[in-house]
């Protein structure tokens, strides 16, 4: 039971992480110091996309699932299992990535303009 809770918690944190990636820059408009955390999250996202490095949250979820007697995530990990083909069709992956990038850039432009 505990392993299932760990796996589910990792999944929830993963969703929160991705939501923060998309909109965390807007939070920095109100709480300026959060920009550093958001820059780190965006940096991790870019590193993950560029190199294919596996996210530690995926590793934790897989570990919890395995020990709970559940099947591991598919080869593509969290994104392929919970996001692509579920929230948006797989063929729109690059468009969604571009949309998130534009959203992040817009939030950063607003952050800079609000600081003046």
C-alpha atoms as a PDB file:
ATOM      1  CA  UNK A   1       0.000   0.000   0.000  1.00  0.00           C
ATOM      2  CA  UNK A   2       2.798   2.443   0.907  1.00  0.00           C
ATOM      3  CA  UNK A   3       4.539   1.870  -2.445  1.00  0.00           C
ATOM      4  CA  UNK A   4       1.333   2.664  -4.307  1.00  0.00           C
ATOM      5  CA  UNK A   5       1.022   5.916  -2.330  1.00  0.00           C
ATOM      6  CA  UNK A   6       4.617   6.805  -3.219  1.00  0.00           C
ATOM      7  CA  UNK A   7       3.960   6.110  -6.906  1.00  0.00           C
ATOM      8  CA  UNK A   8       0.744   8.141  -6.877  1.00  0.00           C
ATOM      9  CA  UNK A   9       2.407  11.012  -4.993  1.00  0.00           C
ATOM     10  CA  UNK A  10       5.226  11.092  -7.550  1.00  0.00           C
ATOM     11  CA  UNK A  11       2.634  11.263 -10.330  1.00  0.00           C
ATOM     12  CA  UNK A  12       0.807  14.169  -8.651  1.00  0.00           C
ATOM     13  CA  UNK A  13       4.075  16.041  -8.044  1.00  0.00           C
ATOM     14  CA  UNK A  14       4.996  15.457 -11.684  1.00  0.00           C
ATOM     15  CA  UNK A  15       1.740  17.039 -12.851  1.00  0.00           C
ATOM     16  CA  UNK A  16       2.327  19.974 -10.495  1.00  0.00           C
ATOM     17  CA  UNK A  17       5.885  20.334 -11.795  1.00  0.00           C
ATOM     18  CA  UNK A  18       4.668  20.515 -15.394  1.00  0.00           C
ATOM     19  CA  UNK A  19       1.949  23.007 -14.478  1.00  0.00           C
ATOM     20  CA  UNK A  20       4.549  25.150 -12.724  1.00  0.00           C
ATOM     21  CA  UNK A  21       6.769  24.902 -15.795  1.00  0.00           C
ATOM     22  CA  UNK A  22       3.980  26.331 -17.923  1.00  0.00           C
ATOM     23  CA  UNK A  23       2.669  29.079 -15.636  1.00  0.00           C
ATOM     24  CA  UNK A  24       5.268  29.596 -12.902  1.00  0.00           C
ATOM     25  CA  UNK A  25       6.665  32.655 -14.641  1.00  0.00           C
ATOM     26  CA  UNK A  26       3.350  34.397 -14.050  1.00  0.00           C
ATOM     27  CA  UNK A  27       3.597  33.633 -10.329  1.00  0.00           C
ATOM     28  CA  UNK A  28       6.867  35.551 -10.337  1.00  0.00           C
ATOM     29  CA  UNK A  29       4.929  38.653 -11.344  1.00  0.00           C
ATOM     30  CA  UNK A  30       3.506  38.614  -7.819  1.00  0.00           C
ATOM     31  CA  UNK A  31       6.259  36.825  -5.878  1.00  0.00           C
ATOM     32  CA  UNK A  32       9.465  38.005  -7.510  1.00  0.00           C
ATOM     33  CA  UNK A  33      11.813  35.578  -5.793  1.00  0.00           C
ATOM     34  CA  UNK A  34      10.042  32.603  -7.358  1.00  0.00           C
ATOM     35  CA  UNK A  35      11.633  33.494 -10.685  1.00  0.00           C
ATOM     36  CA  UNK A  36      14.772  31.609  -9.624  1.00  0.00           C
ATOM     37  CA  UNK A  37      12.825  28.432  -8.949  1.00  0.00           C
ATOM     38  CA  UNK A  38      11.054  28.824 -12.267  1.00  0.00           C
ATOM     39  CA  UNK A  39      14.325  29.335 -14.129  1.00  0.00           C
ATOM     40  CA  UNK A  40      15.590  26.087 -12.590  1.00  0.00           C
ATOM     41  CA  UNK A  41      12.422  24.244 -13.635  1.00  0.00           C
ATOM     42  CA  UNK A  42      12.647  25.601 -17.177  1.00  0.00           C
ATOM     43  CA  UNK A  43      16.338  24.677 -17.285  1.00  0.00           C
ATOM     44  CA  UNK A  44      15.512  21.121 -16.233  1.00  0.00           C
ATOM     45  CA  UNK A  45      12.769  20.933 -18.856  1.00  0.00           C
ATOM     46  CA  UNK A  46      15.121  22.094 -21.595  1.00  0.00           C
ATOM     47  CA  UNK A  47      17.837  19.689 -20.457  1.00  0.00           C
ATOM     48  CA  UNK A  48      15.359  16.843 -20.424  1.00  0.00           C
ATOM     49  CA  UNK A  49      14.134  17.641 -23.933  1.00  0.00           C
ATOM     50  CA  UNK A  50      17.614  18.152 -25.351  1.00  0.00           C
ATOM     51  CA  UNK A  51      19.309  15.118 -23.823  1.00  0.00           C
ATOM     52  CA  UNK A  52      16.480  12.741 -22.972  1.00  0.00           C
ATOM     53  CA  UNK A  53      17.703  12.458 -19.386  1.00  0.00           C
ATOM     54  CA  UNK A  54      15.163  10.623 -17.244  1.00  0.00           C
ATOM     55  CA  UNK A  55      13.292  12.659 -14.666  1.00  0.00           C
ATOM     56  CA  UNK A  56      13.851  11.598 -11.046  1.00  0.00           C
ATOM     57  CA  UNK A  57      10.086  11.745 -10.483  1.00  0.00           C
ATOM     58  CA  UNK A  58       9.625   9.108 -13.175  1.00  0.00           C
ATOM     59  CA  UNK A  59      12.250   6.942 -11.485  1.00  0.00           C
ATOM     60  CA  UNK A  60      10.461   7.299  -8.131  1.00  0.00           C
ATOM     61  CA  UNK A  61       7.073   6.527  -9.644  1.00  0.00           C
ATOM     62  CA  UNK A  62       8.448   3.464 -11.439  1.00  0.00           C
ATOM     63  CA  UNK A  63      10.084   2.260  -8.236  1.00  0.00           C
ATOM     64  CA  UNK A  64       6.842   2.660  -6.303  1.00  0.00           C
ATOM     65  CA  UNK A  65       4.797   0.981  -9.022  1.00  0.00           C
ATOM     66  CA  UNK A  66       7.225  -1.931  -9.286  1.00  0.00           C
ATOM     67  CA  UNK A  67       7.235  -2.503  -5.517  1.00  0.00           C
ATOM     68  CA  UNK A  68       3.441  -2.211  -5.387  1.00  0.00           C
ATOM     69  CA  UNK A  69       3.138  -4.980  -7.976  1.00  0.00           C
ATOM     70  CA  UNK A  70       1.974  -2.618 -10.705  1.00  0.00           C
ATOM     71  CA  UNK A  71       3.417  -2.416 -14.208  1.00  0.00           C
ATOM     72  CA  UNK A  72       6.131   0.172 -14.766  1.00  0.00           C
ATOM     73  CA  UNK A  73       5.501   3.216 -16.910  1.00  0.00           C
ATOM     74  CA  UNK A  74       5.950   2.651 -20.635  1.00  0.00           C
ATOM     75  CA  UNK A  75       9.337   3.356 -22.179  1.00  0.00           C
ATOM     76  CA  UNK A  76       8.433   6.994 -22.856  1.00  0.00           C
ATOM     77  CA  UNK A  77       7.806   7.579 -19.155  1.00  0.00           C
ATOM     78  CA  UNK A  78       5.419  10.010 -17.546  1.00  0.00           C
ATOM     79  CA  UNK A  79       4.761  12.234 -20.566  1.00  0.00           C
ATOM     80  CA  UNK A  80       3.984   9.354 -22.910  1.00  0.00           C
ATOM     81  CA  UNK A  81       1.749   7.652 -20.357  1.00  0.00           C
ATOM     82  CA  UNK A  82      -0.254  10.527 -18.880  1.00  0.00           C
ATOM     83  CA  UNK A  83       0.061  13.482 -21.263  1.00  0.00           C
ATOM     84  CA  UNK A  84       0.573  12.631 -24.931  1.00  0.00           C
ATOM     85  CA  UNK A  85      -2.483  11.014 -26.418  1.00  0.00           C
ATOM     86  CA  UNK A  86      -4.467  11.719 -23.245  1.00  0.00           C
ATOM     87  CA  UNK A  87      -4.492  15.510 -22.822  1.00  0.00           C
ATOM     88  CA  UNK A  88      -3.605  16.260 -26.442  1.00  0.00           C
ATOM     89  CA  UNK A  89      -3.120  14.087 -29.528  1.00  0.00           C
ATOM     90  CA  UNK A  90       0.417  12.820 -30.017  1.00  0.00           C
ATOM     91  CA  UNK A  91       0.822  14.505 -33.395  1.00  0.00           C
ATOM     92  CA  UNK A  92       0.551  17.912 -31.675  1.00  0.00           C
ATOM     93  CA  UNK A  93       3.510  17.380 -29.339  1.00  0.00           C
ATOM     94  CA  UNK A  94       5.748  19.943 -31.020  1.00  0.00           C
ATOM     95  CA  UNK A  95       2.916  22.465 -31.202  1.00  0.00           C
ATOM     96  CA  UNK A  96       2.214  22.034 -27.476  1.00  0.00           C
ATOM     97  CA  UNK A  97       5.916  22.431 -26.681  1.00  0.00           C
ATOM     98  CA  UNK A  98       6.002  25.608 -28.758  1.00  0.00           C
ATOM     99  CA  UNK A  99       2.899  26.882 -26.977  1.00  0.00           C
ATOM    100  CA  UNK A 100       4.475  26.278 -23.565  1.00  0.00           C
ATOM    101  CA  UNK A 101       7.680  28.005 -24.710  1.00  0.00           C
ATOM    102  CA  UNK A 102       5.691  31.034 -25.893  1.00  0.00           C
ATOM    103  CA  UNK A 103       3.781  31.092 -22.599  1.00  0.00           C
ATOM    104  CA  UNK A 104       7.027  31.002 -20.607  1.00  0.00           C
ATOM    105  CA  UNK A 105       8.612  33.712 -22.758  1.00  0.00           C
ATOM    106  CA  UNK A 106       5.505  35.887 -22.412  1.00  0.00           C
ATOM    107  CA  UNK A 107       5.595  35.465 -18.642  1.00  0.00           C
ATOM    108  CA  UNK A 108       9.270  36.467 -18.568  1.00  0.00           C
ATOM    109  CA  UNK A 109       8.636  39.540 -20.699  1.00  0.00           C
ATOM    110  CA  UNK A 110       5.831  40.516 -18.328  1.00  0.00           C
ATOM    111  CA  UNK A 111       8.112  39.879 -15.360  1.00  0.00           C
ATOM    112  CA  UNK A 112      10.759  42.223 -16.750  1.00  0.00           C
ATOM    113  CA  UNK A 113       8.224  44.910 -17.677  1.00  0.00           C
ATOM    114  CA  UNK A 114       6.615  44.784 -14.232  1.00  0.00           C
ATOM    115  CA  UNK A 115       9.996  45.253 -12.554  1.00  0.00           C
ATOM    116  CA  UNK A 116      10.495  48.632 -14.232  1.00  0.00           C
END
